[in-house]
PDB file of N, CA and C in Angstrom:
ATOM      1  N   MET A   1     -92.988-293.984   2.779  1.00  0.00           N
ATOM      2  CA  MET A   1     -93.466-292.998   3.431  1.00  0.00           C
ATOM      3  C   MET A   1     -92.287-292.109   4.388  1.00  0.00           C
ATOM      4  N   ILE A   2     -90.912-293.170   4.383  1.00  0.00           N
ATOM      5  CA  ILE A   2     -90.038-292.445   5.341  1.00  0.00           C
ATOM      6  C   ILE A   2     -88.718-291.848   4.250  1.00  0.00           C
ATOM      7  N   ASP A   3     -89.075-291.724   2.595  1.00  0.00           N
ATOM      8  CA  ASP A   3     -88.513-291.007   1.651  1.00  0.00           C
ATOM      9  C   ASP A   3     -89.142-289.911   1.397  1.00  0.00           C
ATOM     10  N   GLN A   4     -90.569-289.962   1.701  1.00  0.00           N
ATOM     11  CA  GLN A   4     -91.486-288.663   1.668  1.00  0.00           C
ATOM     12  C   GLN A   4     -91.170-287.820   2.592  1.00  0.00           C
ATOM     13  N   LEU A   5     -90.651-288.117   4.043  1.00  0.00           N
ATOM     14  CA  LEU A   5     -90.188-287.571   4.819  1.00  0.00           C
ATOM     15  C   LEU A   5     -89.251-286.689   5.217  1.00  0.00           C
ATOM     16  N   THR A   6     -87.731-287.475   4.774  1.00  0.00           N
ATOM     17  CA  THR A   6     -86.741-287.401   4.576  1.00  0.00           C
ATOM     18  C   THR A   6     -86.872-285.292   3.158  1.00  0.00           C
ATOM     19  N   ASP A   7     -87.700-286.029   2.172  1.00  0.00           N
ATOM     20  CA  ASP A   7     -87.482-284.951   0.934  1.00  0.00           C
ATOM     21  C   ASP A   7     -88.206-283.709   1.531  1.00  0.00           C
ATOM     22  N   ILE A   8     -89.086-283.515   2.312  1.00  0.00           N
ATOM     23  CA  ILE A   8     -89.881-282.249   3.383  1.00  0.00           C
ATOM     24  C   ILE A   8     -88.627-281.306   3.682  1.00  0.00           C
ATOM     25  N   PRO A   9     -87.709-281.579   4.216  1.00  0.00           N
ATOM     26  CA  PRO A   9     -86.704-280.499   4.553  1.00  0.00           C
ATOM     27  C   PRO A   9     -85.419-279.817   3.474  1.00  0.00           C
ATOM     28  N   VAL A  10     -85.576-280.819   2.455  1.00  0.00           N
ATOM     29  CA  VAL A  10     -84.582-280.125   1.340  1.00  0.00           C
ATOM     30  C   VAL A  10     -85.712-279.369   0.393  1.00  0.00           C
ATOM     31  N   ALA A  11     -86.948-279.843   0.305  1.00  0.00           N
ATOM     32  CA  ALA A  11     -88.048-278.857  -0.662  1.00  0.00           C
ATOM     33  C   ALA A  11     -88.309-277.898   0.445  1.00  0.00           C
ATOM     34  N   GLN A  12     -88.251-277.606   2.108  1.00  0.00           N
ATOM     35  CA  GLN A  12     -88.571-276.384   2.652  1.00  0.00           C
ATOM     36  C   GLN A  12     -87.287-275.188   2.038  1.00  0.00           C
ATOM     37  N   GLY A  13     -85.878-275.877   2.415  1.00  0.00           N
ATOM     38  CA  GLY A  13     -85.232-275.567   2.147  1.00  0.00           C
ATOM     39  C   GLY A  13     -84.942-274.791   1.010  1.00  0.00           C
ATOM     40  N   ALA A  14     -84.902-275.496  -0.677  1.00  0.00           N
ATOM     41  CA  ALA A  14     -85.009-275.275  -1.526  1.00  0.00           C
ATOM     42  C   ALA A  14     -85.695-274.163  -1.898  1.00  0.00           C
ATOM     43  N   ALA A  15     -86.646-273.975  -1.095  1.00  0.00           N
ATOM     44  CA  ALA A  15     -88.084-272.746  -1.291  1.00  0.00           C
ATOM     45  C   ALA A  15     -87.597-271.472  -0.985  1.00  0.00           C
ATOM     46  N   PHE A  16     -87.255-272.165   0.110  1.00  0.00           N
ATOM     47  CA  PHE A  16     -86.577-270.781   1.177  1.00  0.00           C
ATOM     48  C   PHE A  16     -85.293-269.855   0.438  1.00  0.00           C
ATOM     49  N   VAL A  17     -84.620-270.965  -0.101  1.00  0.00           N
ATOM     50  CA  VAL A  17     -82.973-269.483  -0.826  1.00  0.00           C
ATOM     51  C   VAL A  17     -83.783-269.485  -2.500  1.00  0.00           C
ATOM     52  N   VAL A  18     -84.813-269.546  -3.065  1.00  0.00           N
ATOM     53  CA  VAL A  18     -85.502-269.222  -4.143  1.00  0.00           C
ATOM     54  C   VAL A  18     -86.217-267.815  -3.335  1.00  0.00           C
ATOM     55  N   TRP A  19     -86.185-267.719  -2.242  1.00  0.00           N
ATOM     56  CA  TRP A  19     -87.105-266.624  -1.582  1.00  0.00           C
ATOM     57  C   TRP A  19     -86.342-265.919  -1.688  1.00  0.00           C
ATOM     58  N   LEU A  20     -85.164-266.112  -0.744  1.00  0.00           N
ATOM     59  CA  LEU A  20     -84.142-265.067  -0.378  1.00  0.00           C
ATOM     60  C   LEU A  20     -83.871-264.442  -1.840  1.00  0.00           C
ATOM     61  N   ILE A  21     -83.371-265.212  -2.880  1.00  0.00           N
ATOM     62  CA  ILE A  21     -82.677-265.065  -3.697  1.00  0.00           C
ATOM     63  C   ILE A  21     -83.317-263.288  -4.442  1.00  0.00           C
ATOM     64  N   LEU A  22     -84.574-264.490  -5.472  1.00  0.00           N
ATOM     65  CA  LEU A  22     -85.760-263.581  -6.132  1.00  0.00           C
ATOM     66  C   LEU A  22     -86.754-262.719  -5.438  1.00  0.00           C
ATOM     67  N   PHE A  23     -87.515-262.905  -4.280  1.00  0.00           N
ATOM     68  CA  PHE A  23     -88.097-262.425  -4.237  1.00  0.00           C
ATOM     69  C   PHE A  23     -88.044-261.217  -3.680  1.00  0.00           C
ATOM     70  N   LEU A  24     -86.788-261.225  -2.557  1.00  0.00           N
ATOM     71  CA  LEU A  24     -86.758-260.116  -1.416  1.00  0.00           C
ATOM     72  C   LEU A  24     -85.981-258.941  -2.541  1.00  0.00           C
ATOM     73  N   ASP A  25     -85.338-258.958  -3.337  1.00  0.00           N
ATOM     74  CA  ASP A  25     -84.990-257.793  -4.362  1.00  0.00           C
ATOM     75  C   ASP A  25     -85.967-257.437  -4.920  1.00  0.00           C
ATOM     76  N   LEU A  26     -87.095-257.969  -5.478  1.00  0.00           N
ATOM     77  CA  LEU A  26     -88.724-257.791  -5.991  1.00  0.00           C
ATOM     78  C   LEU A  26     -89.352-256.865  -5.343  1.00  0.00           C
ATOM     79  N   ILE A  27     -89.735-257.573  -3.985  1.00  0.00           N
ATOM     80  CA  ILE A  27     -89.997-256.582  -2.685  1.00  0.00           C
ATOM     81  C   ILE A  27     -89.176-255.380  -2.644  1.00  0.00           C
ATOM     82  N   MET A  28     -88.059-255.136  -2.609  1.00  0.00           N
ATOM     83  CA  MET A  28     -87.260-253.887  -2.363  1.00  0.00           C
ATOM     84  C   MET A  28     -87.486-252.835  -3.863  1.00  0.00           C
ATOM     85  N   LEU A  29     -87.222-253.233  -4.658  1.00  0.00           N
ATOM     86  CA  LEU A  29     -88.214-252.892  -6.087  1.00  0.00           C
ATOM     87  C   LEU A  29     -89.426-252.010  -5.465  1.00  0.00           C
ATOM     88  N   GLY A  30     -90.289-253.010  -5.407  1.00  0.00           N
ATOM     89  CA  GLY A  30     -91.669-252.663  -5.315  1.00  0.00           C
ATOM     90  C   GLY A  30     -91.534-251.784  -4.208  1.00  0.00           C
ATOM     91  N   ILE A  31     -91.404-251.627  -3.243  1.00  0.00           N
ATOM     92  CA  ILE A  31     -91.050-250.824  -2.098  1.00  0.00           C
ATOM     93  C   ILE A  31     -90.695-249.195  -2.630  1.00  0.00           C
ATOM     94  N   LEU A  32     -89.728-249.281  -3.639  1.00  0.00           N
ATOM     95  CA  LEU A  32     -89.251-247.995  -3.558  1.00  0.00           C
ATOM     96  C   LEU A  32     -90.313-247.384  -4.772  1.00  0.00           C
ATOM     97  N   ILE A  33     -90.578-248.037  -5.419  1.00  0.00           N
ATOM     98  CA  ILE A  33     -91.525-247.584  -6.879  1.00  0.00           C
ATOM     99  C   ILE A  33     -92.517-246.866  -5.948  1.00  0.00           C
ATOM    100  N   ARG A  34     -93.287-247.655  -5.152  1.00  0.00           N
ATOM    101  CA  ARG A  34     -94.874-247.541  -4.636  1.00  0.00           C
ATOM    102  C   ARG A  34     -94.499-246.563  -3.316  1.00  0.00           C
ATOM    103  N   GLU A  35     -93.080-246.413  -2.915  1.00  0.00           N
ATOM    104  CA  GLU A  35     -93.309-244.985  -1.576  1.00  0.00           C
ATOM    105  C   GLU A  35     -92.421-243.761  -2.017  1.00  0.00           C
ATOM    106  N   SER A  36     -92.049-244.192  -3.365  1.00  0.00           N
ATOM    107  CA  SER A  36     -91.111-242.848  -3.765  1.00  0.00           C
ATOM    108  C   SER A  36     -89.920-242.863  -2.211  1.00  0.00           C
ATOM    109  N   LEU A  37     -89.020-244.599  -2.084  1.00  0.00           N
ATOM    110  CA  LEU A  37     -87.965-243.569  -0.980  1.00  0.00           C
ATOM    111  C   LEU A  37     -86.713-243.074  -1.735  1.00  0.00           C
ATOM    112  N   THR A  38     -86.357-242.780  -1.241  1.00  0.00           N
ATOM    113  CA  THR A  38     -84.818-242.560  -1.557  1.00  0.00           C
ATOM    114  C   THR A  38     -83.849-243.182  -1.069  1.00  0.00           C
ATOM    115  N   ALA A  39     -82.817-243.824  -2.820  1.00  0.00           N
ATOM    116  CA  ALA A  39     -81.712-244.727  -2.570  1.00  0.00           C
ATOM    117  C   ALA A  39     -81.204-245.287  -1.326  1.00  0.00           C
ATOM    118  N   GLU A  40     -81.329-243.697  -0.233  1.00  0.00           N
ATOM    119  CA  GLU A  40     -80.356-243.666   0.380  1.00  0.00           C
ATOM    120  C   GLU A  40     -81.080-244.979   1.771  1.00  0.00           C
ATOM    121  N   ALA A  41     -82.489-244.713   1.611  1.00  0.00           N
ATOM    122  CA  ALA A  41     -83.550-245.049   2.322  1.00  0.00           C
ATOM    123  C   ALA A  41     -83.647-246.839   2.150  1.00  0.00           C
ATOM    124  N   ALA A  42     -83.527-247.379   0.955  1.00  0.00           N
ATOM    125  CA  ALA A  42     -83.618-248.342   0.471  1.00  0.00           C
ATOM    126  C   ALA A  42     -82.754-249.078   0.614  1.00  0.00           C
ATOM    127  N   VAL A  43     -81.729-248.957   0.413  1.00  0.00           N
ATOM    128  CA  VAL A  43     -79.979-249.295   0.562  1.00  0.00           C
ATOM    129  C   VAL A  43     -79.985-249.993   2.552  1.00  0.00           C
ATOM    130  N   ALA A  44     -80.649-248.800   3.212  1.00  0.00           N
ATOM    131  CA  ALA A  44     -80.323-248.931   4.233  1.00  0.00           C
ATOM    132  C   ALA A  44     -81.619-250.204   5.052  1.00  0.00           C
ATOM    133  N   ILE A  45     -82.400-250.082   3.998  1.00  0.00           N
ATOM    134  CA  ILE A  45     -83.444-251.202   4.886  1.00  0.00           C
ATOM    135  C   ILE A  45     -83.033-252.784   3.874  1.00  0.00           C
ATOM    136  N   SER A  46     -82.005-252.354   3.223  1.00  0.00           N
ATOM    137  CA  SER A  46     -81.778-253.744   2.435  1.00  0.00           C
ATOM    138  C   SER A  46     -80.612-254.525   3.339  1.00  0.00           C
ATOM    139  N   LEU A  47     -79.578-253.198   3.913  1.00  0.00           N
ATOM    140  CA  LEU A  47     -78.643-253.692   4.804  1.00  0.00           C
ATOM    141  C   LEU A  47     -78.930-254.237   5.801  1.00  0.00           C
ATOM    142  N   LEU A  48     -79.798-254.316   6.665  1.00  0.00           N
ATOM    143  CA  LEU A  48     -81.013-254.807   7.681  1.00  0.00           C
ATOM    144  C   LEU A  48     -80.344-256.535   7.439  1.00  0.00           C
ATOM    145  N   ASN A  49     -80.652-256.700   5.999  1.00  0.00           N
ATOM    146  CA  ASN A  49     -80.459-258.313   5.873  1.00  0.00           C
ATOM    147  C   ASN A  49     -79.499-258.885   6.104  1.00  0.00           C
ATOM    148  N   PRO A  50     -78.742-259.976   7.140  1.00  0.00           N
ATOM    149  CA  PRO A  50     -77.802-260.039   7.152  1.00  0.00           C
ATOM    150  C   PRO A  50     -76.815-260.977   5.512  1.00  0.00           C
ATOM    151  N   LEU A  51     -78.557-262.156   5.016  1.00  0.00           N
ATOM    152  CA  LEU A  51     -77.557-262.447   3.794  1.00  0.00           C
ATOM    153  C   LEU A  51     -77.016-261.363   2.803  1.00  0.00           C
ATOM    154  N   GLN A  52     -78.402-260.660   2.392  1.00  0.00           N
ATOM    155  CA  GLN A  52     -77.812-258.896   1.948  1.00  0.00           C
ATOM    156  C   GLN A  52     -76.262-258.398   2.159  1.00  0.00           C
ATOM    157  N   VAL A  53     -75.870-258.197   3.634  1.00  0.00           N
ATOM    158  CA  VAL A  53     -75.131-257.686   4.287  1.00  0.00           C
ATOM    159  C   VAL A  53     -73.643-258.668   3.298  1.00  0.00           C
ATOM    160  N   PHE A  54     -73.954-259.917   3.784  1.00  0.00           N
ATOM    161  CA  PHE A  54     -73.010-260.718   3.335  1.00  0.00           C
ATOM    162  C   PHE A  54     -72.660-260.490   1.637  1.00  0.00           C
ATOM    163  N   ARG A  55     -73.491-261.126   1.219  1.00  0.00           N
ATOM    164  CA  ARG A  55     -73.517-261.201  -0.351  1.00  0.00           C
ATOM    165  C   ARG A  55     -72.836-260.125  -0.768  1.00  0.00           C
ATOM    166  N   THR A  56     -73.115-258.388   0.061  1.00  0.00           N
ATOM    167  CA  THR A  56     -72.435-257.441  -0.866  1.00  0.00           C
ATOM    168  C   THR A  56     -70.858-257.216  -0.347  1.00  0.00           C
ATOM    169  N   ALA A  57     -71.085-257.812   0.908  1.00  0.00           N
ATOM    170  CA  ALA A  57     -69.080-257.970   1.365  1.00  0.00           C
ATOM    171  C   ALA A  57     -68.337-259.123   0.912  1.00  0.00           C
ATOM    172  N   ALA A  58     -69.215-260.069   0.343  1.00  0.00           N
ATOM    173  CA  ALA A  58     -68.326-261.109  -0.837  1.00  0.00           C
ATOM    174  C   ALA A  58     -68.118-260.402  -2.130  1.00  0.00           C
ATOM    175  N   MET A  59     -68.811-259.876  -2.748  1.00  0.00           N
ATOM    176  CA  MET A  59     -68.743-258.776  -3.971  1.00  0.00           C
ATOM    177  C   MET A  59     -67.209-257.855  -3.574  1.00  0.00           C
ATOM    178  N   MET A  60     -67.315-257.187  -2.156  1.00  0.00           N
ATOM    179  CA  MET A  60     -66.480-256.572  -1.912  1.00  0.00           C
ATOM    180  C   MET A  60     -64.876-256.626  -2.032  1.00  0.00           C
ATOM    181  N   LEU A  61     -64.474-258.045  -1.975  1.00  0.00           N
ATOM    182  CA  LEU A  61     -64.066-258.820  -1.616  1.00  0.00           C
ATOM    183  C   LEU A  61     -62.870-259.123  -2.217  1.00  0.00           C
ATOM    184  N   PHE A  62     -63.489-258.974  -3.289  1.00  0.00           N
ATOM    185  CA  PHE A  62     -63.555-259.459  -5.405  1.00  0.00           C
ATOM    186  C   PHE A  62     -62.837-257.882  -5.972  1.00  0.00           C
ATOM    187  N   ASP A  63     -64.005-257.039  -5.196  1.00  0.00           N
ATOM    188  CA  ASP A  63     -64.357-255.478  -6.721  1.00  0.00           C
ATOM    189  C   ASP A  63     -64.706-254.625  -5.113  1.00  0.00           C
ATOM    190  N   ALA A  64     -62.856-254.059  -4.794  1.00  0.00           N
ATOM    191  CA  ALA A  64     -63.039-253.284  -4.084  1.00  0.00           C
ATOM    192  C   ALA A  64     -63.585-251.789  -4.469  1.00  0.00           C
ATOM    193  N   GLN A  65     -64.337-251.541  -5.592  1.00  0.00           N
ATOM    194  CA  GLN A  65     -65.361-250.388  -5.952  1.00  0.00           C
ATOM    195  C   GLN A  65     -66.202-250.569  -5.815  1.00  0.00           C
ATOM    196  N   LEU A  66     -66.940-252.298  -5.972  1.00  0.00           N
ATOM    197  CA  LEU A  66     -68.462-252.598  -5.962  1.00  0.00           C
ATOM    198  C   LEU A  66     -68.874-252.174  -6.989  1.00  0.00           C
ATOM    199  N   VAL A  67     -68.578-252.306  -8.353  1.00  0.00           N
ATOM    200  CA  VAL A  67     -68.669-252.080  -9.943  1.00  0.00           C
ATOM    201  C   VAL A  67     -70.182-252.423 -10.031  1.00  0.00           C
ATOM    202  N   LEU A  68     -70.610-253.763  -9.718  1.00  0.00           N
ATOM    203  CA  LEU A  68     -71.312-254.736  -9.630  1.00  0.00           C
ATOM    204  C   LEU A  68     -72.596-254.043  -9.165  1.00  0.00           C
ATOM    205  N   LEU A  69     -72.419-253.403  -8.084  1.00  0.00           N
ATOM    206  CA  LEU A  69     -73.702-252.690  -7.548  1.00  0.00           C
ATOM    207  C   LEU A  69     -74.328-251.276  -8.237  1.00  0.00           C
ATOM    208  N   GLY A  70     -73.340-251.007  -9.061  1.00  0.00           N
ATOM    209  CA  GLY A  70     -73.999-249.825 -10.052  1.00  0.00           C
ATOM    210  C   GLY A  70     -73.834-248.657  -8.769  1.00  0.00           C
ATOM    211  N   PRO A  71     -74.724-247.374  -9.216  1.00  0.00           N
ATOM    212  CA  PRO A  71     -74.806-246.610  -7.699  1.00  0.00           C
ATOM    213  C   PRO A  71     -75.043-247.051  -7.013  1.00  0.00           C
ATOM    214  N   THR A  72     -75.364-247.974  -6.496  1.00  0.00           N
ATOM    215  CA  THR A  72     -75.326-248.331  -4.967  1.00  0.00           C
ATOM    216  C   THR A  72     -74.265-247.728  -4.416  1.00  0.00           C
ATOM    217  N   ALA A  73     -73.196-248.577  -4.716  1.00  0.00           N
ATOM    218  CA  ALA A  73     -71.638-248.750  -4.464  1.00  0.00           C
ATOM    219  C   ALA A  73     -71.400-247.408  -3.660  1.00  0.00           C
ATOM    220  N   PHE A  74     -71.754-246.246  -4.161  1.00  0.00           N
ATOM    221  CA  PHE A  74     -71.741-245.061  -3.727  1.00  0.00           C
ATOM    222  C   PHE A  74     -72.418-244.723  -2.623  1.00  0.00           C
ATOM    223  N   ILE A  75     -73.379-245.385  -2.193  1.00  0.00           N
ATOM    224  CA  ILE A  75     -74.122-244.506  -1.093  1.00  0.00           C
ATOM    225  C   ILE A  75     -73.349-245.223  -0.117  1.00  0.00           C
ATOM    226  N   ILE A  76     -72.921-247.428  -0.683  1.00  0.00           N
ATOM    227  CA  ILE A  76     -72.605-247.915   0.847  1.00  0.00           C
ATOM    228  C   ILE A  76     -71.151-247.344   1.285  1.00  0.00           C
ATOM    229  N   LEU A  77     -70.649-247.198   0.518  1.00  0.00           N
ATOM    230  CA  LEU A  77     -68.830-246.728   0.631  1.00  0.00           C
ATOM    231  C   LEU A  77     -68.800-245.302   1.518  1.00  0.00           C
ATOM    232  N   ASP A  78     -70.210-244.433   0.613  1.00  0.00           N
ATOM    233  CA  ASP A  78     -69.997-242.960   1.708  1.00  0.00           C
ATOM    234  C   ASP A  78     -70.579-243.306   2.910  1.00  0.00           C
ATOM    235  N   ALA A  79     -71.350-244.357   3.212  1.00  0.00           N
ATOM    236  CA  ALA A  79     -71.674-244.018   4.696  1.00  0.00           C
ATOM    237  C   ALA A  79     -70.781-244.918   5.431  1.00  0.00           C
ATOM    238  N   PHE A  80     -70.051-246.629   4.808  1.00  0.00           N
ATOM    239  CA  PHE A  80     -69.195-247.087   5.621  1.00  0.00           C
ATOM    240  C   PHE A  80     -67.330-247.067   5.609  1.00  0.00           C
ATOM    241  N   GLY A  81     -67.488-246.819   4.523  1.00  0.00           N
ATOM    242  CA  GLY A  81     -65.762-246.797   3.289  1.00  0.00           C
ATOM    243  C   GLY A  81     -65.628-248.276   3.772  1.00  0.00           C
ATOM    244  N   TYR A  82     -64.792-248.600   2.792  1.00  0.00           N
ATOM    245  CA  TYR A  82     -64.383-249.789   2.868  1.00  0.00           C
ATOM    246  C   TYR A  82     -64.297-250.689   4.095  1.00  0.00           C
ATOM    247  N   ALA A  83     -63.246-250.129   4.902  1.00  0.00           N
ATOM    248  CA  ALA A  83     -63.099-251.034   6.123  1.00  0.00           C
ATOM    249  C   ALA A  83     -64.147-251.033   6.720  1.00  0.00           C
ATOM    250  N   GLY A  84     -64.482-249.654   6.967  1.00  0.00           N
ATOM    251  CA  GLY A  84     -65.890-249.818   8.121  1.00  0.00           C
ATOM    252  C   GLY A  84     -67.134-251.032   7.602  1.00  0.00           C
ATOM    253  N   TYR A  85     -66.999-251.007   6.229  1.00  0.00           N
ATOM    254  CA  TYR A  85     -68.382-251.730   5.537  1.00  0.00           C
ATOM    255  C   TYR A  85     -68.011-253.201   6.141  1.00  0.00           C
ATOM    256  N   LEU A  86     -66.555-253.405   5.486  1.00  0.00           N
ATOM    257  CA  LEU A  86     -66.141-255.043   5.913  1.00  0.00           C
ATOM    258  C   LEU A  86     -66.432-255.175   7.510  1.00  0.00           C
ATOM    259  N   ALA A  87     -65.888-254.455   8.297  1.00  0.00           N
ATOM    260  CA  ALA A  87     -66.181-254.634   9.670  1.00  0.00           C
ATOM    261  C   ALA A  87     -68.029-254.996  10.103  1.00  0.00           C
ATOM    262  N   TRP A  88     -68.623-253.664   9.576  1.00  0.00           N
ATOM    263  CA  TRP A  88     -70.130-254.355   9.383  1.00  0.00           C
ATOM    264  C   TRP A  88     -70.486-255.685   9.382  1.00  0.00           C
ATOM    265  N   ALA A  89     -70.099-255.836   8.112  1.00  0.00           N
ATOM    266  CA  ALA A  89     -70.365-257.553   7.684  1.00  0.00           C
ATOM    267  C   ALA A  89     -69.994-258.257   8.086  1.00  0.00           C
ATOM    268  N   LEU A  90     -69.214-258.089   9.238  1.00  0.00           N
ATOM    269  CA  LEU A  90     -68.475-259.845   9.924  1.00  0.00           C
ATOM    270  C   LEU A  90     -69.189-259.467  11.308  1.00  0.00           C
ATOM    271  N   VAL A  91     -69.745-258.288  12.201  1.00  0.00           N
ATOM    272  CA  VAL A  91     -69.935-257.929  12.738  1.00  0.00           C
ATOM    273  C   VAL A  91     -71.539-258.310  13.140  1.00  0.00           C
ATOM    274  N   TYR A  92     -72.194-257.488  12.146  1.00  0.00           N
ATOM    275  CA  TYR A  92     -73.378-257.675  12.128  1.00  0.00           C
ATOM    276  C   TYR A  92     -74.316-259.200  12.313  1.00  0.00           C
ATOM    277  N   PRO A  93     -74.053-260.093  11.171  1.00  0.00           N
ATOM    278  CA  PRO A  93     -74.295-261.022  11.447  1.00  0.00           C
ATOM    279  C   PRO A  93     -74.001-262.051  12.323  1.00  0.00           C
ATOM    280  N   PHE A  94     -72.986-261.528  13.084  1.00  0.00           N
ATOM    281  CA  PHE A  94     -72.408-262.400  14.381  1.00  0.00           C
ATOM    282  C   PHE A  94     -72.891-262.254  15.185  1.00  0.00           C
ATOM    283  N   LEU A  95     -73.634-260.847  15.163  1.00  0.00           N
ATOM    284  CA  LEU A  95     -74.807-260.699  16.554  1.00  0.00           C
ATOM    285  C   LEU A  95     -75.662-261.343  16.470  1.00  0.00           C
ATOM    286  N   ILE A  96     -76.457-261.155  15.105  1.00  0.00           N
ATOM    287  CA  ILE A  96     -77.479-261.454  15.031  1.00  0.00           C
ATOM    288  C   ILE A  96     -77.914-262.907  15.236  1.00  0.00           C
ATOM    289  N   GLY A  97     -76.486-263.833  14.886  1.00  0.00           N
ATOM    290  CA  GLY A  97     -76.468-265.046  15.039  1.00  0.00           C
ATOM    291  C   GLY A  97     -76.375-265.387  16.527  1.00  0.00           C
ATOM    292  N   ILE A  98     -75.960-264.487  16.977  1.00  0.00           N
ATOM    293  CA  ILE A  98     -75.691-265.194  18.706  1.00  0.00           C
ATOM    294  C   ILE A  98     -77.190-264.666  19.594  1.00  0.00           C
ATOM    295  N   LEU A  99     -77.610-263.844  18.818  1.00  0.00           N
ATOM    296  CA  LEU A  99     -78.772-263.627  19.357  1.00  0.00           C
ATOM    297  C   LEU A  99     -80.141-264.730  19.288  1.00  0.00           C
ATOM    298  N   CYS A 100     -79.735-264.671  17.797  1.00  0.00           N
ATOM    299  CA  CYS A 100     -81.040-266.069  17.790  1.00  0.00           C
ATOM    300  C   CYS A 100     -80.441-267.117  18.254  1.00  0.00           C
ATOM    301  N   ALA A 101     -79.543-267.750  18.661  1.00  0.00           N
ATOM    302  CA  ALA A 101     -78.939-268.634  19.073  1.00  0.00           C
ATOM    303  C   ALA A 101     -79.135-268.345  20.770  1.00  0.00           C
ATOM    304  N   SER A 102     -79.293-267.535  21.131  1.00  0.00           N
ATOM    305  CA  SER A 102     -79.396-267.516  22.648  1.00  0.00           C
ATOM    306  C   SER A 102     -81.107-267.420  22.921  1.00  0.00           C
ATOM    307  N   VAL A 103     -81.857-266.709  21.720  1.00  0.00           N
ATOM    308  CA  VAL A 103     -83.217-266.966  22.313  1.00  0.00           C
ATOM    309  C   VAL A 103     -83.317-268.490  21.898  1.00  0.00           C
ATOM    310  N   GLY A 104     -83.120-268.665  21.021  1.00  0.00           N
ATOM    311  CA  GLY A 104     -83.416-270.735  20.675  1.00  0.00           C
ATOM    312  C   GLY A 104     -83.054-271.282  22.397  1.00  0.00           C
ATOM    313  N   TYR A 105     -81.930-271.355  23.023  1.00  0.00           N
ATOM    314  CA  TYR A 105     -81.353-271.757  24.061  1.00  0.00           C
ATOM    315  C   TYR A 105     -82.714-271.631  25.117  1.00  0.00           C
ATOM    316  N   PHE A 106     -83.018-270.709  25.465  1.00  0.00           N
ATOM    317  CA  PHE A 106     -83.448-270.099  26.854  1.00  0.00           C
ATOM    318  C   PHE A 106     -84.714-270.350  26.250  1.00  0.00           C
ATOM    319  N   LEU A 107     -85.641-270.513  25.149  1.00  0.00           N
ATOM    320  CA  LEU A 107     -86.707-271.202  24.856  1.00  0.00           C
ATOM    321  C   LEU A 107     -86.827-272.524  24.928  1.00  0.00           C
ATOM    322  N   PHE A 108     -86.522-273.393  24.054  1.00  0.00           N
ATOM    323  CA  PHE A 108     -85.536-274.932  24.400  1.00  0.00           C
ATOM    324  C   PHE A 108     -84.825-275.686  25.144  1.00  0.00           C
ATOM    325  N   HIS A 109     -84.360-275.159  25.661  1.00  0.00           N
ATOM    326  CA  HIS A 109     -83.115-275.421  27.132  1.00  0.00           C
ATOM    327  C   HIS A 109     -83.679-276.804  27.851  1.00  0.00           C
ATOM    328  N   ARG A 110     -85.248-276.532  28.255  1.00  0.00           N
ATOM    329  CA  ARG A 110     -85.898-277.457  29.203  1.00  0.00           C
ATOM    330  C   ARG A 110     -86.638-278.620  28.588  1.00  0.00           C
ATOM    331  N   SER A 111     -86.779-278.570  27.274  1.00  0.00           N
ATOM    332  CA  SER A 111     -87.163-279.793  26.303  1.00  0.00           C
ATOM    333  C   SER A 111     -86.778-280.414  26.547  1.00  0.00           C
ATOM    334  N   ASP A 112     -87.402-281.753  26.292  1.00  0.00           N
ATOM    335  CA  ASP A 112     -86.875-282.943  26.143  1.00  0.00           C
ATOM    336  C   ASP A 112     -86.252-283.037  24.457  1.00  0.00           C
ATOM    337  N   LEU A 113     -85.700-281.875  23.451  1.00  0.00           N
ATOM    338  CA  LEU A 113     -85.159-282.404  22.548  1.00  0.00           C
ATOM    339  C   LEU A 113     -83.635-282.709  22.539  1.00  0.00           C
ATOM    340  N   PRO A 114     -83.043-283.655  21.729  1.00  0.00           N
ATOM    341  CA  PRO A 114     -82.028-284.536  21.585  1.00  0.00           C
ATOM    342  C   PRO A 114     -80.512-283.597  21.947  1.00  0.00           C
TER     343      PRO A 114
END
């Protein structure tokens, strides 16, 4: 029974990673096709996801022109510039993390959690 309980968090984590990697891009493509969004709007929505911001910034560190992203790179670089996007990629996920940690602390600081 204990072995089964330790496998649950691993399975949930793996499912979450698969969902983030595979389905997020499919959802964005579906929205783009269905609603006829402009490319700029689709990129703006995707850059609200901290994981996507980090992934794109990591690509930018190895390829400053973001050739891997194709035409999307022009939208990102025109809107932010190289230094601006790297600053966004550092500050935005940090602020989201601080916000989530603060909310979690204030919700659970009086409970009997270890």
